C-alpha atoms as a PDB file:
ATOM      1  CA  MET A   1       0.140  -0.079  -0.083  1.00  0.00           C
ATOM      2  CA  SER A   2       1.347   3.480  -1.245  1.00  0.00           C
ATOM      3  CA  ALA A   3       2.224   6.285   1.695  1.00  0.00           C
ATOM      4  CA  ASN A   4      -1.193   8.743  -0.038  1.00  0.00           C
ATOM      5  CA  GLU A   5      -3.482   5.376   0.524  1.00  0.00           C
ATOM      6  CA  ASP A   6      -2.294   4.960   4.285  1.00  0.00           C
ATOM      7  CA  GLN A   7      -2.699   8.499   4.918  1.00  0.00           C
ATOM      8  CA  GLU A   8      -6.175   8.530   3.400  1.00  0.00           C
ATOM      9  CA  MET A   9      -6.931   5.617   5.393  1.00  0.00           C
ATOM     10  CA  GLU A  10      -5.840   7.166   8.634  1.00  0.00           C
ATOM     11  CA  LEU A  11      -7.481  10.350   7.568  1.00  0.00           C
ATOM     12  CA  GLU A  12     -10.877   8.821   7.647  1.00  0.00           C
ATOM     13  CA  ALA A  13     -10.154   7.196  11.215  1.00  0.00           C
ATOM     14  CA  LEU A  14      -9.039  10.321  12.664  1.00  0.00           C
ATOM     15  CA  ARG A  15     -12.801  12.141  11.339  1.00  0.00           C
ATOM     16  CA  SER A  16     -14.626   9.286  12.340  1.00  0.00           C
ATOM     17  CA  ILE A  17     -12.570   8.863  16.055  1.00  0.00           C
ATOM     18  CA  TYR A  18     -12.600  12.677  16.894  1.00  0.00           C
ATOM     19  CA  GLU A  19     -15.824  13.573  15.621  1.00  0.00           C
ATOM     20  CA  GLY A  20     -17.329  16.208  17.900  1.00  0.00           C
ATOM     21  CA  ASP A  21     -14.386  16.263  19.857  1.00  0.00           C
ATOM     22  CA  GLU A  22     -13.636  19.863  20.472  1.00  0.00           C
ATOM     23  CA  SER A  23      -9.949  19.545  21.602  1.00  0.00           C
ATOM     24  CA  PHE A  24      -9.439  18.116  18.007  1.00  0.00           C
ATOM     25  CA  ARG A  25      -8.708  20.559  14.961  1.00  0.00           C
ATOM     26  CA  GLU A  26      -7.676  19.232  11.126  1.00  0.00           C
ATOM     27  CA  LEU A  27      -5.810  22.120   9.895  1.00  0.00           C
ATOM     28  CA  SER A  28      -5.414  20.400   6.556  1.00  0.00           C
ATOM     29  CA  PRO A  29      -5.582  16.767   5.402  1.00  0.00           C
ATOM     30  CA  VAL A  30      -2.078  16.188   6.720  1.00  0.00           C
ATOM     31  CA  SER A  31      -1.884  18.858   9.705  1.00  0.00           C
ATOM     32  CA  PHE A  32      -3.607  18.433  12.944  1.00  0.00           C
ATOM     33  CA  GLN A  33      -3.873  19.684  16.344  1.00  0.00           C
ATOM     34  CA  TYR A  34      -4.890  18.426  19.682  1.00  0.00           C
ATOM     35  CA  ARG A  35      -5.477  20.098  23.091  1.00  0.00           C
ATOM     36  CA  ILE A  36      -4.064  17.765  26.060  1.00  0.00           C
ATOM     37  CA  GLY A  37      -6.607  19.293  28.862  1.00  0.00           C
ATOM     38  CA  GLU A  38      -9.107  21.199  29.352  1.00  0.00           C
ATOM     39  CA  ASN A  39      -9.537  25.057  28.647  1.00  0.00           C
ATOM     40  CA  GLY A  40      -7.978  26.560  31.592  1.00  0.00           C
ATOM     41  CA  ASP A  41      -6.115  24.304  32.833  1.00  0.00           C
ATOM     42  CA  PRO A  42      -2.909  25.627  33.671  1.00  0.00           C
ATOM     43  CA  LYS A  43      -1.273  22.236  32.578  1.00  0.00           C
ATOM     44  CA  ALA A  44      -2.934  21.983  29.555  1.00  0.00           C
ATOM     45  CA  PHE A  45      -0.931  21.913  26.123  1.00  0.00           C
ATOM     46  CA  LEU A  46      -1.042  22.008  22.202  1.00  0.00           C
ATOM     47  CA  ILE A  47       0.580  19.230  20.031  1.00  0.00           C
ATOM     48  CA  GLU A  48       0.590  19.661  16.332  1.00  0.00           C
ATOM     49  CA  ILE A  49       1.354  16.680  13.962  1.00  0.00           C
ATOM     50  CA  SER A  50       1.874  17.211  10.124  1.00  0.00           C
ATOM     51  CA  TRP A  51       2.344  14.269   7.871  1.00  0.00           C
ATOM     52  CA  THR A  52       5.844  14.245   5.536  1.00  0.00           C
ATOM     53  CA  GLU A  53       5.031  12.861   1.943  1.00  0.00           C
ATOM     54  CA  THR A  54       6.302   9.362   2.573  1.00  0.00           C
ATOM     55  CA  TYR A  55       4.552   9.223   6.344  1.00  0.00           C
ATOM     56  CA  PRO A  56       4.062   6.960   7.876  1.00  0.00           C
ATOM     57  CA  GLN A  57       7.277   5.203   6.475  1.00  0.00           C
ATOM     58  CA  THR A  58       9.216   8.431   7.732  1.00  0.00           C
ATOM     59  CA  PRO A  59       8.173  10.469  10.788  1.00  0.00           C
ATOM     60  CA  PRO A  60       5.815  13.084  11.262  1.00  0.00           C
ATOM     61  CA  ILE A  61       6.721  16.209  12.161  1.00  0.00           C
ATOM     62  CA  ILE A  62       5.703  17.412  15.914  1.00  0.00           C
ATOM     63  CA  SER A  63       5.419  20.829  17.091  1.00  0.00           C
ATOM     64  CA  MET A  64       4.776  22.925  20.031  1.00  0.00           C
ATOM     65  CA  ASN A  65       5.281  26.200  18.588  1.00  0.00           C
ATOM     66  CA  ALA A  66       1.406  27.038  18.803  1.00  0.00           C
ATOM     67  CA  PHE A  67       0.596  30.327  20.874  1.00  0.00           C
ATOM     68  CA  PHE A  68      -1.493  28.152  23.167  1.00  0.00           C
ATOM     69  CA  ASN A  69       1.984  26.739  25.015  1.00  0.00           C
ATOM     70  CA  ASN A  70       3.393  30.495  25.463  1.00  0.00           C
ATOM     71  CA  THR A  71       3.350  29.813  28.888  1.00  0.00           C
ATOM     72  CA  ILE A  72       5.339  26.743  29.217  1.00  0.00           C
ATOM     73  CA  SER A  73       9.098  26.858  29.328  1.00  0.00           C
ATOM     74  CA  SER A  74      11.381  25.745  26.183  1.00  0.00           C
ATOM     75  CA  ALA A  75      12.927  22.805  28.391  1.00  0.00           C
ATOM     76  CA  VAL A  76       9.086  21.675  29.427  1.00  0.00           C
ATOM     77  CA  LYS A  77       8.147  21.700  25.758  1.00  0.00           C
ATOM     78  CA  GLN A  78      11.914  20.040  24.447  1.00  0.00           C
ATOM     79  CA  SER A  79      11.046  17.337  26.798  1.00  0.00           C
ATOM     80  CA  ILE A  80       7.532  16.545  25.993  1.00  0.00           C
ATOM     81  CA  LEU A  81       8.674  16.537  22.360  1.00  0.00           C
ATOM     82  CA  ALA A  82      11.805  13.841  23.320  1.00  0.00           C
ATOM     83  CA  LYS A  83       9.324  11.335  24.827  1.00  0.00           C
ATOM     84  CA  LEU A  84       6.833  11.933  21.741  1.00  0.00           C
ATOM     85  CA  GLN A  85       9.635  10.919  19.558  1.00  0.00           C
ATOM     86  CA  GLU A  86      10.529   8.141  21.423  1.00  0.00           C
ATOM     87  CA  ALA A  87       6.855   6.949  20.782  1.00  0.00           C
ATOM     88  CA  VAL A  88       7.530   7.633  17.195  1.00  0.00           C
ATOM     89  CA  GLU A  89      10.542   5.278  16.476  1.00  0.00           C
ATOM     90  CA  VAL A  90       8.058   2.607  18.193  1.00  0.00           C
ATOM     91  CA  ASN A  91       5.362   3.056  15.726  1.00  0.00           C
ATOM     92  CA  LEU A  92       7.406   3.740  12.498  1.00  0.00           C
ATOM     93  CA  GLY A  93       5.600   2.501   9.927  1.00  0.00           C
ATOM     94  CA  THR A  94       1.964   2.389  11.033  1.00  0.00           C
ATOM     95  CA  ALA A  95      -0.319   4.820  11.759  1.00  0.00           C
ATOM     96  CA  MET A  96       0.501   6.705  14.645  1.00  0.00           C
ATOM     97  CA  THR A  97      -1.291  10.032  15.084  1.00  0.00           C
ATOM     98  CA  TYR A  98      -4.063   8.709  17.379  1.00  0.00           C
ATOM     99  CA  THR A  99      -1.182   6.757  19.321  1.00  0.00           C
ATOM    100  CA  LEU A 100       0.815   9.989  19.785  1.00  0.00           C
ATOM    101  CA  PHE A 101      -2.320  12.274  20.979  1.00  0.00           C
ATOM    102  CA  GLU A 102      -3.418   9.473  23.313  1.00  0.00           C
ATOM    103  CA  TYR A 103       0.178   8.770  24.386  1.00  0.00           C
ATOM    104  CA  ALA A 104       0.239  12.412  25.245  1.00  0.00           C
ATOM    105  CA  LYS A 105      -3.146  12.487  27.072  1.00  0.00           C
ATOM    106  CA  ASP A 106      -2.593   9.172  29.117  1.00  0.00           C
ATOM    107  CA  ASN A 107       1.032  10.841  30.299  1.00  0.00           C
ATOM    108  CA  LYS A 108       0.113  14.585  31.030  1.00  0.00           C
ATOM    109  CA  GLU A 109       0.667  14.978  34.413  1.00  0.00           C
ATOM    110  CA  GLN A 110       4.425  13.431  33.775  1.00  0.00           C
ATOM    111  CA  PHE A 111       4.699  15.549  31.214  1.00  0.00           C
ATOM    112  CA  MET A 112       3.696  18.786  32.666  1.00  0.00           C
ATOM    113  CA  GLU A 113       5.180  17.931  36.226  1.00  0.00           C
ATOM    114  CA  ASN A 114       8.092  20.354  36.011  1.00  0.00           C
ATOM    115  CA  HIS A 115       5.896  23.002  34.689  1.00  0.00           C
ATOM    116  CA  ASN A 116       5.828  26.498  36.375  1.00  0.00           C
ATOM    117  CA  PRO A 117       3.928  29.115  34.167  1.00  0.00           C
ATOM    118  CA  VAL A 118       5.714  31.642  31.939  1.00  0.00           C
ATOM    119  CA  ASN A 119       4.601  35.023  31.403  1.00  0.00           C
ATOM    120  CA  SER A 120       6.124  35.726  27.892  1.00  0.00           C
ATOM    121  CA  THR A 121       3.705  38.127  27.074  1.00  0.00           C
ATOM    122  CA  THR A 122       3.823  41.916  27.554  1.00  0.00           C
ATOM    123  CA  SER A 123       0.765  43.695  29.349  1.00  0.00           C
ATOM    124  CA  ILE A 124      -0.811  46.611  27.563  1.00  0.00           C
ATOM    125  CA  SER A 125       0.632  48.764  30.259  1.00  0.00           C
ATOM    126  CA  ASN A 126       4.304  47.994  30.164  1.00  0.00           C
ATOM    127  CA  ILE A 127       3.827  48.824  26.164  1.00  0.00           C
ATOM    128  CA  ILE A 128       2.618  52.191  27.086  1.00  0.00           C
ATOM    129  CA  SER A 129       5.168  52.956  29.289  1.00  0.00           C
ATOM    130  CA  ILE A 130       7.696  52.358  27.181  1.00  0.00           C
ATOM    131  CA  GLU A 131       6.332  54.585  24.352  1.00  0.00           C
ATOM    132  CA  THR A 132       9.405  56.950  23.750  1.00  0.00           C
ATOM    133  CA  PRO A 133       7.981  60.399  25.530  1.00  0.00           C
ATOM    134  CA  ASN A 134       7.385  63.155  23.686  1.00  0.00           C
ATOM    135  CA  THR A 135       9.953  65.731  24.670  1.00  0.00           C
ATOM    136  CA  ALA A 136      10.468  67.709  21.378  1.00  0.00           C
ATOM    137  CA  PRO A 137       8.876  70.956  21.555  1.00  0.00           C
ATOM    138  CA  SER A 138       5.838  71.296  19.767  1.00  0.00           C
ATOM    139  CA  SER A 139       5.301  72.602  16.251  1.00  0.00           C
ATOM    140  CA  LYS A 140       2.387  74.468  17.306  1.00  0.00           C
ATOM    141  CA  LYS A 141       2.977  77.794  18.415  1.00  0.00           C
ATOM    142  CA  LYS A 142       0.502  79.783  20.143  1.00  0.00           C
ATOM    143  CA  ASP A 143      -0.554  82.678  18.633  1.00  0.00           C
ATOM    144  CA  LYS A 144       0.559  85.839  20.578  1.00  0.00           C
ATOM    145  CA  LYS A 145      -1.556  89.003  20.941  1.00  0.00           C
ATOM    146  CA  GLU A 146       0.259  92.103  18.989  1.00  0.00           C
ATOM    147  CA  GLN A 147       1.884  93.801  21.272  1.00  0.00           C
ATOM    148  CA  LEU A 148       1.676  97.807  21.434  1.00  0.00           C
ATOM    149  CA  SER A 149       4.289 100.136  22.428  1.00  0.00           C
ATOM    150  CA  LYS A 150       3.656 102.874  25.022  1.00  0.00           C
ATOM    151  CA  ALA A 151       3.174 105.585  22.659  1.00  0.00           C
ATOM    152  CA  GLN A 152       0.435 103.605  20.956  1.00  0.00           C
ATOM    153  CA  LYS A 153      -1.221 102.918  23.710  1.00  0.00           C
ATOM    154  CA  ARG A 154      -1.156 106.425  24.562  1.00  0.00           C
ATOM    155  CA  LYS A 155      -2.310 107.356  21.452  1.00  0.00           C
ATOM    156  CA  LEU A 156      -4.979 104.598  21.602  1.00  0.00           C
ATOM    157  CA  ALA A 157      -6.306 106.442  24.671  1.00  0.00           C
ATOM    158  CA  ASP A 158      -6.533 109.857  23.403  1.00  0.00           C
ATOM    159  CA  LYS A 159      -9.325 108.496  20.850  1.00  0.00           C
ATOM    160  CA  THR A 160     -11.788 106.843  23.371  1.00  0.00           C
ATOM    161  CA  ASP A 161     -14.653 108.911  24.356  1.00  0.00           C
ATOM    162  CA  HIS A 162     -15.822 109.387  27.720  1.00  0.00           C
ATOM    163  CA  LYS A 163     -16.833 105.984  27.896  1.00  0.00           C
ATOM    164  CA  GLY A 164     -14.038 104.420  27.034  1.00  0.00           C
ATOM    165  CA  GLU A 165     -14.963 103.800  23.751  1.00  0.00           C
ATOM    166  CA  LEU A 166     -13.610 103.844  20.215  1.00  0.00           C
ATOM    167  CA  PRO A 167     -15.219 106.444  17.622  1.00  0.00           C
ATOM    168  CA  ARG A 168     -16.688 104.657  14.421  1.00  0.00           C
ATOM    169  CA  GLY A 169     -13.432 104.948  11.612  1.00  0.00           C
ATOM    170  CA  TRP A 170     -10.744 105.321  14.056  1.00  0.00           C
ATOM    171  CA  ASN A 171      -9.000 102.587  12.444  1.00  0.00           C
ATOM    172  CA  TRP A 172      -9.615 102.945   8.859  1.00  0.00           C
ATOM    173  CA  VAL A 173      -6.450 104.763   8.143  1.00  0.00           C
ATOM    174  CA  ASP A 174      -5.094 101.114   9.310  1.00  0.00           C
ATOM    175  CA  VAL A 175      -7.237  99.378   6.671  1.00  0.00           C
ATOM    176  CA  VAL A 176      -6.391 101.522   3.845  1.00  0.00           C
ATOM    177  CA  LYS A 177      -2.333 101.170   4.372  1.00  0.00           C
ATOM    178  CA  VAL A 178      -3.492  97.160   4.223  1.00  0.00           C
ATOM    179  CA  ASP A 179      -5.812  97.171   0.928  1.00  0.00           C
ATOM    180  CA  THR A 180      -5.157 100.215  -1.445  1.00  0.00           C
ATOM    181  CA  SER A 181      -7.352  99.346  -3.469  1.00  0.00           C
ATOM    182  CA  TYR A 182      -9.925 101.827  -1.370  1.00  0.00           C
ATOM    183  CA  ILE A 183      -8.476 104.882  -2.835  1.00  0.00           C
ATOM    184  CA  LEU A 184      -9.381 103.556  -6.357  1.00  0.00           C
ATOM    185  CA  VAL A 185     -12.908 102.756  -4.675  1.00  0.00           C
ATOM    186  CA  PHE A 186     -12.999 106.357  -3.088  1.00  0.00           C
ATOM    187  CA  LYS A 187     -11.499 108.179  -6.303  1.00  0.00           C
ATOM    188  CA  ASN A 188     -14.469 106.745  -8.376  1.00  0.00           C
ATOM    189  CA  CYS A 189     -17.164 107.650  -6.204  1.00  0.00           C
ATOM    190  CA  SER A 190     -18.275 111.806  -7.092  1.00  0.00           C
ATOM    191  CA  TYR A 191     -19.352 112.251  -3.455  1.00  0.00           C
ATOM    192  CA  CYS A 192     -16.413 110.901  -1.752  1.00  0.00           C
ATOM    193  CA  ARG A 193     -14.196 113.060  -4.220  1.00  0.00           C
ATOM    194  CA  HIS A 194     -16.655 115.534  -3.606  1.00  0.00           C
ATOM    195  CA  GLN A 195     -15.868 115.607   0.423  1.00  0.00           C
ATOM    196  CA  ILE A 196     -12.192 115.059   0.058  1.00  0.00           C
ATOM    197  CA  THR A 197     -11.929 117.827  -1.952  1.00  0.00           C
ATOM    198  CA  LYS A 198     -13.855 120.202  -0.274  1.00  0.00           C
ATOM    199  CA  TYR A 199     -12.088 119.292   3.050  1.00  0.00           C
ATOM    200  CA  MET A 200      -8.521 119.368   1.333  1.00  0.00           C
ATOM    201  CA  SER A 201      -8.660 122.374  -0.415  1.00  0.00           C
ATOM    202  CA  SER A 202      -8.399 124.439   3.008  1.00  0.00           C
ATOM    203  CA  ILE A 203      -5.006 122.522   3.150  1.00  0.00           C
ATOM    204  CA  PHE A 204      -3.361 122.078   0.102  1.00  0.00           C
ATOM    205  CA  SER A 205      -3.362 124.483  -2.465  1.00  0.00           C
ATOM    206  CA  PRO A 206      -5.166 123.075  -5.943  1.00  0.00           C
ATOM    207  CA  SER A 207      -2.217 122.458  -8.033  1.00  0.00           C
ATOM    208  CA  THR A 208      -0.271 120.484  -4.792  1.00  0.00           C
ATOM    209  CA  PHE A 209      -4.059 118.969  -3.940  1.00  0.00           C
ATOM    210  CA  GLY A 210      -4.246 117.312  -7.423  1.00  0.00           C
ATOM    211  CA  PHE A 211      -0.749 115.834  -7.709  1.00  0.00           C
ATOM    212  CA  TYR A 212      -0.450 114.392  -4.533  1.00  0.00           C
ATOM    213  CA  TRP A 213      -4.503 113.041  -4.482  1.00  0.00           C
ATOM    214  CA  ASP A 214      -3.649 110.059  -3.187  1.00  0.00           C
ATOM    215  CA  VAL A 215      -1.806 111.421   0.160  1.00  0.00           C
ATOM    216  CA  CYS A 216      -4.845 113.974   0.402  1.00  0.00           C
ATOM    217  CA  PHE A 217      -7.080 110.984   0.547  1.00  0.00           C
ATOM    218  CA  LEU A 218      -5.307 109.645   3.271  1.00  0.00           C
ATOM    219  CA  PHE A 219      -5.643 112.878   5.663  1.00  0.00           C
ATOM    220  CA  TYR A 220      -8.919 112.797   4.423  1.00  0.00           C
ATOM    221  CA  ILE A 221      -9.427 109.271   6.230  1.00  0.00           C
ATOM    222  CA  GLN A 222      -7.565 110.354   9.007  1.00  0.00           C
ATOM    223  CA  HIS A 223      -9.748 112.924   9.214  1.00  0.00           C
ATOM    224  CA  LEU A 224     -12.922 111.055   9.318  1.00  0.00           C
ATOM    225  CA  SER A 225     -11.398 108.578  11.987  1.00  0.00           C
ATOM    226  CA  LYS A 226     -10.931 111.405  14.526  1.00  0.00           C
ATOM    227  CA  THR A 227     -14.429 112.944  13.998  1.00  0.00           C
ATOM    228  CA  GLY A 228     -16.241 109.665  13.624  1.00  0.00           C
ATOM    229  CA  SER A 229     -17.197 109.685   9.843  1.00  0.00           C
ATOM    230  CA  LYS A 230     -19.071 113.218  10.331  1.00  0.00           C
ATOM    231  CA  ASP A 231     -18.062 115.690   7.869  1.00  0.00           C
ATOM    232  CA  ASP A 232     -19.104 119.295   8.175  1.00  0.00           C
ATOM    233  CA  ASP A 233     -21.736 120.628   5.518  1.00  0.00           C
END
């Protein structure tokens, strides 16, 4: 009988024997796991057996690398594997997967007599505690309020009325300095030109006023900021 035929027969036997057994798991048609002991048992362990192409004429691969065994020390694992290898040599050439699982079940206490649970996992709190502290300066700087000089503060105070409030239009000059397009707006407004001309003619000569119209415009806006946009009729 060929190795493939032997494996097919043993696979059918395993499925029949362990049907409904929650401890048994078929990973593939040639790879199986069995939990020795109940869930919650501190001495429970899991064995994985994989068949080679020439199994059972050659030994299967036995492993205890499953995460289920993470609390078992390497020494105990090696001891269990060594005992299972002894059973493999005795049963070589025959279907032995069931035999190995049952052998481990019958000798569970002996296999785990030197077992002391090992905490090989890292708790979440430890992971958090070793996180690199953020010592680098923050890239976001707090916005600082614009600091006024003493002269600016005095000038601002002079513009307030008896209620401590600033008159309407007190900061118009600053607006004009930022956006000179306002000059064009006032230039194109006939009423504004009339008011500016009326006010500035008393300060500049007609020739100078026409040549420095933009400068005169700023003077006029400053006048409005002091009077609260009220012009003399």
